[in-house]
Amino acid sequence: MARGELAGPVDPAMAHLLLLGSLASALYILHLPVDDAMVTDLATAATAGITALADRHHSNPDEAAEPH
């Protein structure tokens, strides 16, 4: 937020879930081969999700960035 990259706060646990949950699922549940393209796609999707959460919290300041 301080660098202007996010409009509002994001729960760190949610950010970790978005970043690592998909990768862990691909590796340990779906047993998919993970290559650079998949990691790039997952990072892009996680970034979009984190940005959307920050935007939502910014547009609704009454909504806290607390874990669910």
C-alpha atoms as a PDB file:
ATOM      1  CA  MET A   1       0.000   0.000   0.000  1.00  0.00           C
ATOM      2  CA  ALA A   2       2.809   2.416   0.857  1.00  0.00           C
ATOM      3  CA  ARG A   3       4.261   2.050  -2.671  1.00  0.00           C
ATOM      4  CA  GLY A   4       0.839   2.542  -4.244  1.00  0.00           C
ATOM      5  CA  GLU A   5       0.654  -1.012  -5.595  1.00  0.00           C
ATOM      6  CA  LEU A   6      -2.484  -1.883  -3.625  1.00  0.00           C
ATOM      7  CA  ALA A   7      -5.504   0.328  -3.036  1.00  0.00           C
ATOM      8  CA  GLY A   8      -6.270  -1.114   0.395  1.00  0.00           C
ATOM      9  CA  PRO A   9      -5.238  -3.719   2.947  1.00  0.00           C
ATOM     10  CA  VAL A  10      -5.255  -7.454   2.231  1.00  0.00           C
ATOM     11  CA  ASP A  11      -5.225 -10.158   4.875  1.00  0.00           C
ATOM     12  CA  PRO A  12      -1.755 -11.754   4.658  1.00  0.00           C
ATOM     13  CA  ALA A  13      -3.194 -15.246   5.180  1.00  0.00           C
ATOM     14  CA  MET A  14      -5.504 -14.757   2.193  1.00  0.00           C
ATOM     15  CA  ALA A  15      -2.601 -13.555   0.062  1.00  0.00           C
ATOM     16  CA  HIS A  16      -0.609 -16.649   1.020  1.00  0.00           C
ATOM     17  CA  LEU A  17      -3.565 -18.889   0.156  1.00  0.00           C
ATOM     18  CA  LEU A  18      -3.858 -17.278  -3.252  1.00  0.00           C
ATOM     19  CA  LEU A  19      -0.127 -17.512  -3.922  1.00  0.00           C
ATOM     20  CA  LEU A  20       0.641 -20.939  -2.507  1.00  0.00           C
ATOM     21  CA  GLY A  21      -2.661 -22.791  -2.385  1.00  0.00           C
ATOM     22  CA  SER A  22      -2.908 -23.212  -6.135  1.00  0.00           C
ATOM     23  CA  LEU A  23       0.675 -24.372  -6.415  1.00  0.00           C
ATOM     24  CA  ALA A  24       0.271 -26.866  -3.567  1.00  0.00           C
ATOM     25  CA  SER A  25      -2.929 -28.178  -5.152  1.00  0.00           C
ATOM     26  CA  ALA A  26      -1.236 -28.610  -8.513  1.00  0.00           C
ATOM     27  CA  LEU A  27       1.691 -30.474  -6.958  1.00  0.00           C
ATOM     28  CA  TYR A  28       0.159 -32.566  -4.204  1.00  0.00           C
ATOM     29  CA  ILE A  29      -3.505 -33.058  -5.111  1.00  0.00           C
ATOM     30  CA  LEU A  30      -3.654 -32.947  -8.897  1.00  0.00           C
ATOM     31  CA  HIS A  31      -0.084 -34.238  -9.434  1.00  0.00           C
ATOM     32  CA  LEU A  32       0.431 -31.848 -12.342  1.00  0.00           C
ATOM     33  CA  PRO A  33       3.846 -31.085 -13.751  1.00  0.00           C
ATOM     34  CA  VAL A  34       4.764 -27.570 -12.682  1.00  0.00           C
ATOM     35  CA  ASP A  35       6.814 -25.609 -15.169  1.00  0.00           C
ATOM     36  CA  ASP A  36       7.756 -21.959 -15.550  1.00  0.00           C
ATOM     37  CA  ALA A  37       4.622 -21.210 -17.589  1.00  0.00           C
ATOM     38  CA  MET A  38       2.351 -22.618 -14.866  1.00  0.00           C
ATOM     39  CA  VAL A  39       4.152 -20.670 -12.147  1.00  0.00           C
ATOM     40  CA  THR A  40       3.816 -17.490 -14.222  1.00  0.00           C
ATOM     41  CA  ASP A  41       0.103 -18.123 -14.794  1.00  0.00           C
ATOM     42  CA  LEU A  42      -0.498 -18.860 -11.099  1.00  0.00           C
ATOM     43  CA  ALA A  43       1.403 -15.716 -10.070  1.00  0.00           C
ATOM     44  CA  THR A  44      -0.624 -13.631 -12.538  1.00  0.00           C
ATOM     45  CA  ALA A  45      -3.905 -15.046 -11.247  1.00  0.00           C
ATOM     46  CA  ALA A  46      -2.864 -14.600  -7.599  1.00  0.00           C
ATOM     47  CA  THR A  47      -1.811 -11.014  -8.283  1.00  0.00           C
ATOM     48  CA  ALA A  48      -5.196 -10.294  -9.857  1.00  0.00           C
ATOM     49  CA  GLY A  49      -6.946 -11.827  -6.845  1.00  0.00           C
ATOM     50  CA  ILE A  50      -4.886  -9.892  -4.324  1.00  0.00           C
ATOM     51  CA  THR A  51      -5.452  -6.663  -6.263  1.00  0.00           C
ATOM     52  CA  ALA A  52      -9.200  -7.339  -6.396  1.00  0.00           C
ATOM     53  CA  LEU A  53      -9.308  -7.905  -2.632  1.00  0.00           C
ATOM     54  CA  ALA A  54      -7.400  -4.673  -2.003  1.00  0.00           C
ATOM     55  CA  ASP A  55      -9.727  -2.778  -4.356  1.00  0.00           C
ATOM     56  CA  ARG A  56     -12.782  -4.216  -2.611  1.00  0.00           C
ATOM     57  CA  HIS A  57     -11.497  -3.192   0.825  1.00  0.00           C
ATOM     58  CA  HIS A  58     -10.608   0.258  -0.503  1.00  0.00           C
ATOM     59  CA  SER A  59     -14.068   0.806  -1.996  1.00  0.00           C
ATOM     60  CA  ASN A  60     -15.738  -0.450   1.213  1.00  0.00           C
ATOM     61  CA  PRO A  61     -13.625   0.865   4.104  1.00  0.00           C
ATOM     62  CA  ASP A  62     -16.088  -0.482   6.682  1.00  0.00           C
ATOM     63  CA  GLU A  63     -15.113  -4.001   5.630  1.00  0.00           C
ATOM     64  CA  ALA A  64     -12.077  -5.076   7.634  1.00  0.00           C
ATOM     65  CA  ALA A  65      -9.200  -7.062   6.145  1.00  0.00           C
ATOM     66  CA  GLU A  66      -9.585  -9.695   8.827  1.00  0.00           C
ATOM     67  CA  PRO A  67      -9.177 -13.412   8.257  1.00  0.00           C
ATOM     68  CA  HIS A  68     -12.444 -15.223   7.498  1.00  0.00           C
END
